[in-house]
Amino acid sequence: MNRQWAVAILVAALMSHDKSWRDYWRGVRGVWRAIFHRRLSKVHPDIAEARMAICRECPLFFKPLMTCGSPLAEYRPELGCGCFLPALTKMRDGHCWLRENTLLENAGWPDELL
């Protein structure tokens, strides 16, 4: 298994501390199936790289886990979606939390990267 996907599952576990084990298992099982059955439709690698470059410059980027926001932050845990960005940026249905949750015009991924 790819190391990025293993980290994504670990981050999902960290984010689900307030949920039941049944909810956690459903999420892990869904990610597992998507990985091995290749149900994730991916974008072109150039688009994924451009998205990741934008994410690295974002103030919400949590470098140690490479997530959107920090699942470990106590000060403002509601900032960011907590997604593992190396995986999210490659998904066709990926979204930018900052773009969806701010009124700033130039925040997040531009239209051509959606």
PDB file of N, CA and C in Angstrom:
ATOM      1  N   MET A   1       0.843  -1.175   0.000  1.00  0.00           N
ATOM      2  CA  MET A   1       0.000   0.000   0.000  1.00  0.00           C
ATOM      3  C   MET A   1       0.890   1.240   0.000  1.00  0.00           C
ATOM      4  N   ASN A   2       0.454   2.240  -0.693  1.00  0.00           N
ATOM      5  CA  ASN A   2       1.164   3.498  -0.767  1.00  0.00           C
ATOM      6  C   ASN A   2       1.203   4.159   0.610  1.00  0.00           C
ATOM      7  N   ARG A   3       2.345   4.730   0.972  1.00  0.00           N
ATOM      8  CA  ARG A   3       2.497   5.354   2.282  1.00  0.00           C
ATOM      9  C   ARG A   3       1.535   6.521   2.467  1.00  0.00           C
ATOM     10  N   GLN A   4       1.239   7.257   1.397  1.00  0.00           N
ATOM     11  CA  GLN A   4       0.304   8.386   1.500  1.00  0.00           C
ATOM     12  C   GLN A   4      -1.083   7.909   1.926  1.00  0.00           C
ATOM     13  N   TRP A   5      -1.513   6.790   1.370  1.00  0.00           N
ATOM     14  CA  TRP A   5      -2.840   6.286   1.728  1.00  0.00           C
ATOM     15  C   TRP A   5      -2.866   5.793   3.170  1.00  0.00           C
ATOM     16  N   ALA A   6      -1.777   5.218   3.629  1.00  0.00           N
ATOM     17  CA  ALA A   6      -1.711   4.778   5.027  1.00  0.00           C
ATOM     18  C   ALA A   6      -1.819   5.985   5.961  1.00  0.00           C
ATOM     19  N   VAL A   7      -1.162   7.081   5.597  1.00  0.00           N
ATOM     20  CA  VAL A   7      -1.253   8.294   6.405  1.00  0.00           C
ATOM     21  C   VAL A   7      -2.671   8.851   6.355  1.00  0.00           C
ATOM     22  N   ALA A   8      -3.321   8.771   5.200  1.00  0.00           N
ATOM     23  CA  ALA A   8      -4.706   9.252   5.078  1.00  0.00           C
ATOM     24  C   ALA A   8      -5.622   8.490   6.022  1.00  0.00           C
ATOM     25  N   ILE A   9      -5.431   7.186   6.126  1.00  0.00           N
ATOM     26  CA  ILE A   9      -6.253   6.386   7.035  1.00  0.00           C
ATOM     27  C   ILE A   9      -5.952   6.757   8.483  1.00  0.00           C
ATOM     28  N   LEU A  10      -4.684   7.010   8.807  1.00  0.00           N
ATOM     29  CA  LEU A  10      -4.315   7.431  10.149  1.00  0.00           C
ATOM     30  C   LEU A  10      -4.957   8.763  10.498  1.00  0.00           C
ATOM     31  N   VAL A  11      -4.938   9.708   9.562  1.00  0.00           N
ATOM     32  CA  VAL A  11      -5.565  11.005   9.801  1.00  0.00           C
ATOM     33  C   VAL A  11      -7.069  10.832   9.999  1.00  0.00           C
ATOM     34  N   ALA A  12      -7.685   9.947   9.235  1.00  0.00           N
ATOM     35  CA  ALA A  12      -9.122   9.674   9.419  1.00  0.00           C
ATOM     36  C   ALA A  12      -9.377   9.164  10.824  1.00  0.00           C
ATOM     37  N   ALA A  13      -8.488   8.342  11.323  1.00  0.00           N
ATOM     38  CA  ALA A  13      -8.647   7.820  12.685  1.00  0.00           C
ATOM     39  C   ALA A  13      -8.536   8.943  13.713  1.00  0.00           C
ATOM     40  N   LEU A  14      -7.582   9.855  13.508  1.00  0.00           N
ATOM     41  CA  LEU A  14      -7.430  10.981  14.427  1.00  0.00           C
ATOM     42  C   LEU A  14      -8.649  11.891  14.407  1.00  0.00           C
ATOM     43  N   MET A  15      -9.211  12.076  13.219  1.00  0.00           N
ATOM     44  CA  MET A  15     -10.354  12.981  13.077  1.00  0.00           C
ATOM     45  C   MET A  15     -11.642  12.391  13.623  1.00  0.00           C
ATOM     46  N   SER A  16     -11.688  11.094  13.804  1.00  0.00           N
ATOM     47  CA  SER A  16     -12.947  10.457  14.201  1.00  0.00           C
ATOM     48  C   SER A  16     -13.020  10.182  15.695  1.00  0.00           C
ATOM     49  N   HIS A  17     -12.230  10.869  16.497  1.00  0.00           N
ATOM     50  CA  HIS A  17     -12.206  10.574  17.923  1.00  0.00           C
ATOM     51  C   HIS A  17     -13.544  10.807  18.608  1.00  0.00           C
ATOM     52  N   ASP A  18     -14.404  11.651  18.048  1.00  0.00           N
ATOM     53  CA  ASP A  18     -15.706  11.899  18.663  1.00  0.00           C
ATOM     54  C   ASP A  18     -16.812  11.048  18.047  1.00  0.00           C
ATOM     55  N   LYS A  19     -16.464  10.160  17.146  1.00  0.00           N
ATOM     56  CA  LYS A  19     -17.451   9.298  16.503  1.00  0.00           C
ATOM     57  C   LYS A  19     -17.360   7.891  17.057  1.00  0.00           C
ATOM     58  N   SER A  20     -18.355   7.111  16.760  1.00  0.00           N
ATOM     59  CA  SER A  20     -18.332   5.723  17.215  1.00  0.00           C
ATOM     60  C   SER A  20     -17.388   4.906  16.346  1.00  0.00           C
ATOM     61  N   TRP A  21     -17.006   3.749  16.840  1.00  0.00           N
ATOM     62  CA  TRP A  21     -16.130   2.867  16.068  1.00  0.00           C
ATOM     63  C   TRP A  21     -16.810   2.421  14.788  1.00  0.00           C
ATOM     64  N   ARG A  22     -18.108   2.281  14.797  1.00  0.00           N
ATOM     65  CA  ARG A  22     -18.840   1.886  13.587  1.00  0.00           C
ATOM     66  C   ARG A  22     -18.679   2.946  12.493  1.00  0.00           C
ATOM     67  N   ASP A  23     -18.796   4.229  12.865  1.00  0.00           N
ATOM     68  CA  ASP A  23     -18.610   5.311  11.892  1.00  0.00           C
ATOM     69  C   ASP A  23     -17.176   5.338  11.378  1.00  0.00           C
ATOM     70  N   TYR A  24     -16.232   5.158  12.292  1.00  0.00           N
ATOM     71  CA  TYR A  24     -14.831   5.139  11.902  1.00  0.00           C
ATOM     72  C   TYR A  24     -14.573   4.002  10.921  1.00  0.00           C
ATOM     73  N   TRP A  25     -15.091   2.812  11.229  1.00  0.00           N
ATOM     74  CA  TRP A  25     -14.849   1.654  10.367  1.00  0.00           C
ATOM     75  C   TRP A  25     -15.460   1.846   8.985  1.00  0.00           C
ATOM     76  N   ARG A  26     -16.630   2.461   8.911  1.00  0.00           N
ATOM     77  CA  ARG A  26     -17.246   2.739   7.605  1.00  0.00           C
ATOM     78  C   ARG A  26     -16.344   3.629   6.758  1.00  0.00           C
ATOM     79  N   GLY A  27     -15.772   4.670   7.371  1.00  0.00           N
ATOM     80  CA  GLY A  27     -14.890   5.564   6.637  1.00  0.00           C
ATOM     81  C   GLY A  27     -13.635   4.860   6.142  1.00  0.00           C
ATOM     82  N   VAL A  28     -13.017   4.065   7.017  1.00  0.00           N
ATOM     83  CA  VAL A  28     -11.808   3.339   6.639  1.00  0.00           C
ATOM     84  C   VAL A  28     -12.126   2.326   5.548  1.00  0.00           C
ATOM     85  N   ARG A  29     -13.239   1.628   5.681  1.00  0.00           N
ATOM     86  CA  ARG A  29     -13.630   0.634   4.676  1.00  0.00           C
ATOM     87  C   ARG A  29     -13.876   1.294   3.319  1.00  0.00           C
ATOM     88  N   GLY A  30     -14.487   2.490   3.329  1.00  0.00           N
ATOM     89  CA  GLY A  30     -14.718   3.213   2.076  1.00  0.00           C
ATOM     90  C   GLY A  30     -13.428   3.625   1.403  1.00  0.00           C
ATOM     91  N   VAL A  31     -12.475   4.128   2.197  1.00  0.00           N
ATOM     92  CA  VAL A  31     -11.175   4.507   1.634  1.00  0.00           C
ATOM     93  C   VAL A  31     -10.463   3.274   1.109  1.00  0.00           C
ATOM     94  N   TRP A  32     -10.480   2.196   1.872  1.00  0.00           N
ATOM     95  CA  TRP A  32      -9.828   0.942   1.473  1.00  0.00           C
ATOM     96  C   TRP A  32     -10.380   0.433   0.145  1.00  0.00           C
ATOM     97  N   ARG A  33     -11.696   0.422   0.015  1.00  0.00           N
ATOM     98  CA  ARG A  33     -12.314  -0.039  -1.235  1.00  0.00           C
ATOM     99  C   ARG A  33     -11.942   0.868  -2.403  1.00  0.00           C
ATOM    100  N   ALA A  34     -11.933   2.169  -2.150  1.00  0.00           N
ATOM    101  CA  ALA A  34     -11.576   3.107  -3.220  1.00  0.00           C
ATOM    102  C   ALA A  34     -10.149   2.885  -3.692  1.00  0.00           C
ATOM    103  N   ILE A  35      -9.262   2.582  -2.756  1.00  0.00           N
ATOM    104  CA  ILE A  35      -7.861   2.362  -3.114  1.00  0.00           C
ATOM    105  C   ILE A  35      -7.718   1.111  -3.962  1.00  0.00           C
ATOM    106  N   PHE A  36      -8.272   0.023  -3.482  1.00  0.00           N
ATOM    107  CA  PHE A  36      -8.025  -1.249  -4.141  1.00  0.00           C
ATOM    108  C   PHE A  36      -8.940  -1.524  -5.329  1.00  0.00           C
ATOM    109  N   HIS A  37     -10.057  -0.848  -5.397  1.00  0.00           N
ATOM    110  CA  HIS A  37     -10.939  -1.041  -6.547  1.00  0.00           C
ATOM    111  C   HIS A  37     -10.830   0.121  -7.527  1.00  0.00           C
ATOM    112  N   ARG A  38      -9.940   1.054  -7.208  1.00  0.00           N
ATOM    113  CA  ARG A  38      -9.650   2.197  -8.071  1.00  0.00           C
ATOM    114  C   ARG A  38     -10.907   2.970  -8.471  1.00  0.00           C
ATOM    115  N   ARG A  39     -11.752   3.218  -7.495  1.00  0.00           N
ATOM    116  CA  ARG A  39     -12.980   3.971  -7.752  1.00  0.00           C
ATOM    117  C   ARG A  39     -12.741   5.476  -7.735  1.00  0.00           C
ATOM    118  N   LEU A  40     -11.567   5.871  -7.294  1.00  0.00           N
ATOM    119  CA  LEU A  40     -11.274   7.295  -7.271  1.00  0.00           C
ATOM    120  C   LEU A  40     -10.874   7.743  -8.669  1.00  0.00           C
ATOM    121  N   SER A  41     -11.626   8.670  -9.223  1.00  0.00           N
ATOM    122  CA  SER A  41     -11.225   9.209 -10.519  1.00  0.00           C
ATOM    123  C   SER A  41     -10.205  10.304 -10.245  1.00  0.00           C
ATOM    124  N   LYS A  42      -9.101  10.235 -10.921  1.00  0.00           N
ATOM    125  CA  LYS A  42      -8.000  11.146 -10.648  1.00  0.00           C
ATOM    126  C   LYS A  42      -7.899  12.228 -11.715  1.00  0.00           C
ATOM    127  N   VAL A  43      -7.327  13.343 -11.315  1.00  0.00           N
ATOM    128  CA  VAL A  43      -7.080  14.439 -12.252  1.00  0.00           C
ATOM    129  C   VAL A  43      -5.707  14.241 -12.882  1.00  0.00           C
ATOM    130  N   HIS A  44      -5.410  15.040 -13.888  1.00  0.00           N
ATOM    131  CA  HIS A  44      -4.102  15.009 -14.538  1.00  0.00           C
ATOM    132  C   HIS A  44      -3.032  15.359 -13.492  1.00  0.00           C
ATOM    133  N   PRO A  45      -1.874  14.716 -13.533  1.00  0.00           N
ATOM    134  CA  PRO A  45      -0.819  14.994 -12.546  1.00  0.00           C
ATOM    135  C   PRO A  45      -0.405  16.465 -12.460  1.00  0.00           C
ATOM    136  N   ASP A  46      -0.464  17.198 -13.573  1.00  0.00           N
ATOM    137  CA  ASP A  46      -0.111  18.623 -13.544  1.00  0.00           C
ATOM    138  C   ASP A  46      -1.101  19.416 -12.693  1.00  0.00           C
ATOM    139  N   ILE A  47      -2.365  19.070 -12.793  1.00  0.00           N
ATOM    140  CA  ILE A  47      -3.383  19.750 -11.988  1.00  0.00           C
ATOM    141  C   ILE A  47      -3.179  19.418 -10.517  1.00  0.00           C
ATOM    142  N   ALA A  48      -2.914  18.160 -10.216  1.00  0.00           N
ATOM    143  CA  ALA A  48      -2.678  17.748  -8.830  1.00  0.00           C
ATOM    144  C   ALA A  48      -1.474  18.484  -8.234  1.00  0.00           C
ATOM    145  N   GLU A  49      -0.422  18.620  -9.011  1.00  0.00           N
ATOM    146  CA  GLU A  49       0.768  19.333  -8.534  1.00  0.00           C
ATOM    147  C   GLU A  49       0.474  20.809  -8.298  1.00  0.00           C
ATOM    148  N   ALA A  50      -0.288  21.417  -9.197  1.00  0.00           N
ATOM    149  CA  ALA A  50      -0.639  22.835  -9.032  1.00  0.00           C
ATOM    150  C   ALA A  50      -1.513  23.034  -7.793  1.00  0.00           C
ATOM    151  N   ARG A  51      -2.463  22.135  -7.576  1.00  0.00           N
ATOM    152  CA  ARG A  51      -3.297  22.216  -6.379  1.00  0.00           C
ATOM    153  C   ARG A  51      -2.445  22.097  -5.120  1.00  0.00           C
ATOM    154  N   MET A  52      -1.518  21.137  -5.112  1.00  0.00           N
ATOM    155  CA  MET A  52      -0.683  20.907  -3.932  1.00  0.00           C
ATOM    156  C   MET A  52       0.213  22.103  -3.658  1.00  0.00           C
ATOM    157  N   ALA A  53       0.706  22.751  -4.706  1.00  0.00           N
ATOM    158  CA  ALA A  53       1.536  23.948  -4.523  1.00  0.00           C
ATOM    159  C   ALA A  53       0.737  25.058  -3.844  1.00  0.00           C
ATOM    160  N   ILE A  54      -0.520  25.212  -4.238  1.00  0.00           N
ATOM    161  CA  ILE A  54      -1.388  26.215  -3.612  1.00  0.00           C
ATOM    162  C   ILE A  54      -1.622  25.849  -2.153  1.00  0.00           C
ATOM    163  N   CYS A  55      -1.860  24.581  -1.883  1.00  0.00           N
ATOM    164  CA  CYS A  55      -2.103  24.131  -0.514  1.00  0.00           C
ATOM    165  C   CYS A  55      -0.889  24.367   0.381  1.00  0.00           C
ATOM    166  N   ARG A  56       0.304  24.136  -0.145  1.00  0.00           N
ATOM    167  CA  ARG A  56       1.521  24.341   0.660  1.00  0.00           C
ATOM    168  C   ARG A  56       1.696  25.801   1.087  1.00  0.00           C
ATOM    169  N   GLU A  57       1.164  26.731   0.295  1.00  0.00           N
ATOM    170  CA  GLU A  57       1.262  28.152   0.614  1.00  0.00           C
ATOM    171  C   GLU A  57       0.103  28.642   1.482  1.00  0.00           C
ATOM    172  N   CYS A  58      -0.896  27.814   1.669  1.00  0.00           N
ATOM    173  CA  CYS A  58      -2.093  28.192   2.416  1.00  0.00           C
ATOM    174  C   CYS A  58      -1.786  28.291   3.915  1.00  0.00           C
ATOM    175  N   PRO A  59      -2.368  29.278   4.602  1.00  0.00           N
ATOM    176  CA  PRO A  59      -2.136  29.393   6.044  1.00  0.00           C
ATOM    177  C   PRO A  59      -2.746  28.237   6.843  1.00  0.00           C
ATOM    178  N   LEU A  60      -3.664  27.488   6.262  1.00  0.00           N
ATOM    179  CA  LEU A  60      -4.269  26.360   6.963  1.00  0.00           C
ATOM    180  C   LEU A  60      -3.460  25.073   6.838  1.00  0.00           C
ATOM    181  N   PHE A  61      -2.479  25.050   5.956  1.00  0.00           N
ATOM    182  CA  PHE A  61      -1.689  23.850   5.703  1.00  0.00           C
ATOM    183  C   PHE A  61      -0.938  23.429   6.967  1.00  0.00           C
ATOM    184  N   PHE A  62      -1.164  22.190   7.400  1.00  0.00           N
ATOM    185  CA  PHE A  62      -0.488  21.629   8.575  1.00  0.00           C
ATOM    186  C   PHE A  62       0.578  20.671   8.072  1.00  0.00           C
ATOM    187  N   LYS A  63       1.821  21.158   8.052  1.00  0.00           N
ATOM    188  CA  LYS A  63       2.912  20.443   7.410  1.00  0.00           C
ATOM    189  C   LYS A  63       3.219  19.071   8.015  1.00  0.00           C
ATOM    190  N   PRO A  64       3.233  18.885   9.329  1.00  0.00           N
ATOM    191  CA  PRO A  64       3.600  17.566   9.859  1.00  0.00           C
ATOM    192  C   PRO A  64       2.724  16.418   9.342  1.00  0.00           C
ATOM    193  N   LEU A  65       1.425  16.652   9.193  1.00  0.00           N
ATOM    194  CA  LEU A  65       0.523  15.609   8.688  1.00  0.00           C
ATOM    195  C   LEU A  65       0.106  15.852   7.244  1.00  0.00           C
ATOM    196  N   MET A  66       0.493  16.997   6.681  1.00  0.00           N
ATOM    197  CA  MET A  66       0.107  17.391   5.328  1.00  0.00           C
ATOM    198  C   MET A  66      -1.416  17.394   5.158  1.00  0.00           C
ATOM    199  N   THR A  67      -2.083  18.025   6.113  1.00  0.00           N
ATOM    200  CA  THR A  67      -3.543  18.095   6.101  1.00  0.00           C
ATOM    201  C   THR A  67      -4.013  19.536   5.946  1.00  0.00           C
ATOM    202  N   CYS A  68      -5.277  19.669   5.585  1.00  0.00           N
ATOM    203  CA  CYS A  68      -5.933  20.972   5.523  1.00  0.00           C
ATOM    204  C   CYS A  68      -6.409  21.295   6.926  1.00  0.00           C
ATOM    205  N   GLY A  69      -5.707  22.157   7.609  1.00  0.00           N
ATOM    206  CA  GLY A  69      -5.987  22.402   9.012  1.00  0.00           C
ATOM    207  C   GLY A  69      -5.341  21.306   9.842  1.00  0.00           C
ATOM    208  N   SER A  70      -5.406  21.479  11.132  1.00  0.00           N
ATOM    209  CA  SER A  70      -4.793  20.491  12.006  1.00  0.00           C
ATOM    210  C   SER A  70      -5.847  19.755  12.810  1.00  0.00           C
ATOM    211  N   PRO A  71      -5.894  18.438  12.694  1.00  0.00           N
ATOM    212  CA  PRO A  71      -6.837  17.683  13.523  1.00  0.00           C
ATOM    213  C   PRO A  71      -6.430  17.714  14.988  1.00  0.00           C
ATOM    214  N   LEU A  72      -5.233  18.191  15.270  1.00  0.00           N
ATOM    215  CA  LEU A  72      -4.730  18.229  16.638  1.00  0.00           C
ATOM    216  C   LEU A  72      -4.849  19.609  17.269  1.00  0.00           C
ATOM    217  N   ALA A  73      -5.280  20.608  16.500  1.00  0.00           N
ATOM    218  CA  ALA A  73      -5.345  21.984  16.991  1.00  0.00           C
ATOM    219  C   ALA A  73      -6.453  22.137  18.016  1.00  0.00           C
ATOM    220  N   GLU A  74      -6.110  22.753  19.121  1.00  0.00           N
ATOM    221  CA  GLU A  74      -7.113  23.019  20.145  1.00  0.00           C
ATOM    222  C   GLU A  74      -7.661  24.436  20.035  1.00  0.00           C
ATOM    223  N   TYR A  75      -6.903  25.309  19.379  1.00  0.00           N
ATOM    224  CA  TYR A  75      -7.286  26.716  19.323  1.00  0.00           C
ATOM    225  C   TYR A  75      -8.412  26.985  18.340  1.00  0.00           C
ATOM    226  N   ARG A  76      -8.420  26.377  17.161  1.00  0.00           N
ATOM    227  CA  ARG A  76      -9.474  26.567  16.167  1.00  0.00           C
ATOM    228  C   ARG A  76      -9.615  25.300  15.332  1.00  0.00           C
ATOM    229  N   PRO A  77     -10.107  24.218  15.902  1.00  0.00           N
ATOM    230  CA  PRO A  77     -10.185  22.962  15.151  1.00  0.00           C
ATOM    231  C   PRO A  77     -11.171  23.009  13.987  1.00  0.00           C
ATOM    232  N   GLU A  78     -12.051  24.016  13.966  1.00  0.00           N
ATOM    233  CA  GLU A  78     -13.025  24.092  12.880  1.00  0.00           C
ATOM    234  C   GLU A  78     -12.434  24.669  11.593  1.00  0.00           C
ATOM    235  N   LEU A  79     -11.199  25.134  11.641  1.00  0.00           N
ATOM    236  CA  LEU A  79     -10.553  25.666  10.441  1.00  0.00           C
ATOM    237  C   LEU A  79      -9.944  24.532   9.632  1.00  0.00           C
ATOM    238  N   GLY A  80     -10.332  24.440   8.387  1.00  0.00           N
ATOM    239  CA  GLY A  80      -9.828  23.386   7.506  1.00  0.00           C
ATOM    240  C   GLY A  80     -10.707  22.148   7.583  1.00  0.00           C
ATOM    241  N   CYS A  81     -10.592  21.311   6.570  1.00  0.00           N
ATOM    242  CA  CYS A  81     -11.425  20.102   6.520  1.00  0.00           C
ATOM    243  C   CYS A  81     -10.730  18.885   7.119  1.00  0.00           C
ATOM    244  N   GLY A  82      -9.413  18.978   7.345  1.00  0.00           N
ATOM    245  CA  GLY A  82      -8.683  17.859   7.920  1.00  0.00           C
ATOM    246  C   GLY A  82      -8.273  16.804   6.912  1.00  0.00           C
ATOM    247  N   CYS A  83      -8.538  17.043   5.639  1.00  0.00           N
ATOM    248  CA  CYS A  83      -8.213  16.053   4.606  1.00  0.00           C
ATOM    249  C   CYS A  83      -6.709  15.937   4.400  1.00  0.00           C
ATOM    250  N   PHE A  84      -6.273  14.754   4.007  1.00  0.00           N
ATOM    251  CA  PHE A  84      -4.884  14.499   3.672  1.00  0.00           C
ATOM    252  C   PHE A  84      -4.665  15.027   2.261  1.00  0.00           C
ATOM    253  N   LEU A  85      -3.933  16.114   2.141  1.00  0.00           N
ATOM    254  CA  LEU A  85      -3.857  16.860   0.881  1.00  0.00           C
ATOM    255  C   LEU A  85      -3.179  16.134  -0.277  1.00  0.00           C
ATOM    256  N   PRO A  86      -2.142  15.324  -0.077  1.00  0.00           N
ATOM    257  CA  PRO A  86      -1.598  14.605  -1.231  1.00  0.00           C
ATOM    258  C   PRO A  86      -2.617  13.685  -1.900  1.00  0.00           C
ATOM    259  N   ALA A  87      -3.582  13.209  -1.149  1.00  0.00           N
ATOM    260  CA  ALA A  87      -4.642  12.384  -1.739  1.00  0.00           C
ATOM    261  C   ALA A  87      -5.763  13.260  -2.306  1.00  0.00           C
ATOM    262  N   LEU A  88      -6.182  14.270  -1.551  1.00  0.00           N
ATOM    263  CA  LEU A  88      -7.287  15.133  -1.973  1.00  0.00           C
ATOM    264  C   LEU A  88      -6.985  15.864  -3.274  1.00  0.00           C
ATOM    265  N   THR A  89      -5.761  16.328  -3.431  1.00  0.00           N
ATOM    266  CA  THR A  89      -5.421  17.099  -4.628  1.00  0.00           C
ATOM    267  C   THR A  89      -5.432  16.250  -5.888  1.00  0.00           C
ATOM    268  N   LYS A  90      -5.371  14.942  -5.750  1.00  0.00           N
ATOM    269  CA  LYS A  90      -5.381  14.048  -6.910  1.00  0.00           C
ATOM    270  C   LYS A  90      -6.784  13.603  -7.310  1.00  0.00           C
ATOM    271  N   MET A  91      -7.763  13.862  -6.465  1.00  0.00           N
ATOM    272  CA  MET A  91      -9.123  13.391  -6.717  1.00  0.00           C
ATOM    273  C   MET A  91      -9.894  14.359  -7.612  1.00  0.00           C
ATOM    274  N   ARG A  92     -10.603  13.808  -8.594  1.00  0.00           N
ATOM    275  CA  ARG A  92     -11.412  14.638  -9.492  1.00  0.00           C
ATOM    276  C   ARG A  92     -12.500  15.374  -8.710  1.00  0.00           C
ATOM    277  N   ASP A  93     -13.066  14.730  -7.720  1.00  0.00           N
ATOM    278  CA  ASP A  93     -14.112  15.350  -6.907  1.00  0.00           C
ATOM    279  C   ASP A  93     -13.547  16.101  -5.708  1.00  0.00           C
ATOM    280  N   GLY A  94     -12.232  16.337  -5.709  1.00  0.00           N
ATOM    281  CA  GLY A  94     -11.601  17.053  -4.606  1.00  0.00           C
ATOM    282  C   GLY A  94     -12.144  18.470  -4.495  1.00  0.00           C
ATOM    283  N   HIS A  95     -12.068  19.012  -3.317  1.00  0.00           N
ATOM    284  CA  HIS A  95     -12.576  20.354  -3.074  1.00  0.00           C
ATOM    285  C   HIS A  95     -11.552  21.135  -2.258  1.00  0.00           C
ATOM    286  N   CYS A  96     -11.682  22.426  -2.259  1.00  0.00           N
ATOM    287  CA  CYS A  96     -10.817  23.295  -1.472  1.00  0.00           C
ATOM    288  C   CYS A  96     -11.673  23.905  -0.362  1.00  0.00           C
ATOM    289  N   TRP A  97     -11.376  23.551   0.865  1.00  0.00           N
ATOM    290  CA  TRP A  97     -12.151  24.026   2.005  1.00  0.00           C
ATOM    291  C   TRP A  97     -12.124  25.544   2.085  1.00  0.00           C
ATOM    292  N   LEU A  98     -10.955  26.137   1.894  1.00  0.00           N
ATOM    293  CA  LEU A  98     -10.831  27.591   2.004  1.00  0.00           C
ATOM    294  C   LEU A  98     -11.681  28.297   0.954  1.00  0.00           C
ATOM    295  N   ARG A  99     -11.684  27.784  -0.261  1.00  0.00           N
ATOM    296  CA  ARG A  99     -12.480  28.391  -1.332  1.00  0.00           C
ATOM    297  C   ARG A  99     -13.973  28.320  -1.014  1.00  0.00           C
ATOM    298  N   GLU A 100     -14.409  27.212  -0.443  1.00  0.00           N
ATOM    299  CA  GLU A 100     -15.825  27.032  -0.146  1.00  0.00           C
ATOM    300  C   GLU A 100     -16.285  27.791   1.091  1.00  0.00           C
ATOM    301  N   ASN A 101     -15.357  28.146   1.973  1.00  0.00           N
ATOM    302  CA  ASN A 101     -15.743  28.721   3.262  1.00  0.00           C
ATOM    303  C   ASN A 101     -15.208  30.123   3.513  1.00  0.00           C
ATOM    304  N   THR A 102     -14.871  30.845   2.470  1.00  0.00           N
ATOM    305  CA  THR A 102     -14.399  32.215   2.636  1.00  0.00           C
ATOM    306  C   THR A 102     -15.041  33.119   1.587  1.00  0.00           C
ATOM    307  N   LEU A 103     -15.054  34.382   1.878  1.00  0.00           N
ATOM    308  CA  LEU A 103     -15.594  35.359   0.933  1.00  0.00           C
ATOM    309  C   LEU A 103     -14.496  36.016   0.115  1.00  0.00           C
ATOM    310  N   LEU A 104     -13.243  35.654   0.379  1.00  0.00           N
ATOM    311  CA  LEU A 104     -12.127  36.218  -0.375  1.00  0.00           C
ATOM    312  C   LEU A 104     -12.151  35.721  -1.814  1.00  0.00           C
ATOM    313  N   GLU A 105     -11.868  36.595  -2.752  1.00  0.00           N
ATOM    314  CA  GLU A 105     -11.945  36.234  -4.165  1.00  0.00           C
ATOM    315  C   GLU A 105     -10.852  35.286  -4.624  1.00  0.00           C
ATOM    316  N   ASN A 106      -9.633  35.489  -4.191  1.00  0.00           N
ATOM    317  CA  ASN A 106      -8.503  34.714  -4.689  1.00  0.00           C
ATOM    318  C   ASN A 106      -8.068  33.605  -3.735  1.00  0.00           C
ATOM    319  N   ALA A 107      -8.930  33.163  -2.877  1.00  0.00           N
ATOM    320  CA  ALA A 107      -8.576  32.134  -1.912  1.00  0.00           C
ATOM    321  C   ALA A 107      -8.788  30.737  -2.502  1.00  0.00           C
ATOM    322  N   GLY A 108      -7.899  29.827  -2.177  1.00  0.00           N
ATOM    323  CA  GLY A 108      -8.063  28.445  -2.580  1.00  0.00           C
ATOM    324  C   GLY A 108      -7.699  28.166  -4.028  1.00  0.00           C
ATOM    325  N   TRP A 109      -8.172  27.028  -4.511  1.00  0.00           N
ATOM    326  CA  TRP A 109      -7.872  26.610  -5.871  1.00  0.00           C
ATOM    327  C   TRP A 109      -8.656  27.459  -6.867  1.00  0.00           C
ATOM    328  N   PRO A 110      -8.015  27.951  -7.936  1.00  0.00           N
ATOM    329  CA  PRO A 110      -8.753  28.706  -8.954  1.00  0.00           C
ATOM    330  C   PRO A 110      -9.662  27.793  -9.782  1.00  0.00           C
ATOM    331  N   ASP A 111     -10.561  28.403 -10.518  1.00  0.00           N
ATOM    332  CA  ASP A 111     -11.550  27.642 -11.307  1.00  0.00           C
ATOM    333  C   ASP A 111     -10.925  26.622 -12.234  1.00  0.00           C
ATOM    334  N   GLU A 112      -9.804  26.970 -12.849  1.00  0.00           N
ATOM    335  CA  GLU A 112      -9.202  26.047 -13.816  1.00  0.00           C
ATOM    336  C   GLU A 112      -8.606  24.791 -13.166  1.00  0.00           C
ATOM    337  N   LEU A 113      -8.493  24.789 -11.839  1.00  0.00           N
ATOM    338  CA  LEU A 113      -7.973  23.604 -11.153  1.00  0.00           C
ATOM    339  C   LEU A 113      -9.059  22.777 -10.468  1.00  0.00           C
ATOM    340  N   LEU A 114     -10.293  23.158 -10.675  1.00  0.00           N
ATOM    341  CA  LEU A 114     -11.396  22.409 -10.056  1.00  0.00           C
ATOM    342  C   LEU A 114     -11.866  21.301 -10.957  1.00  0.00           C
TER     343      LEU A 114
END
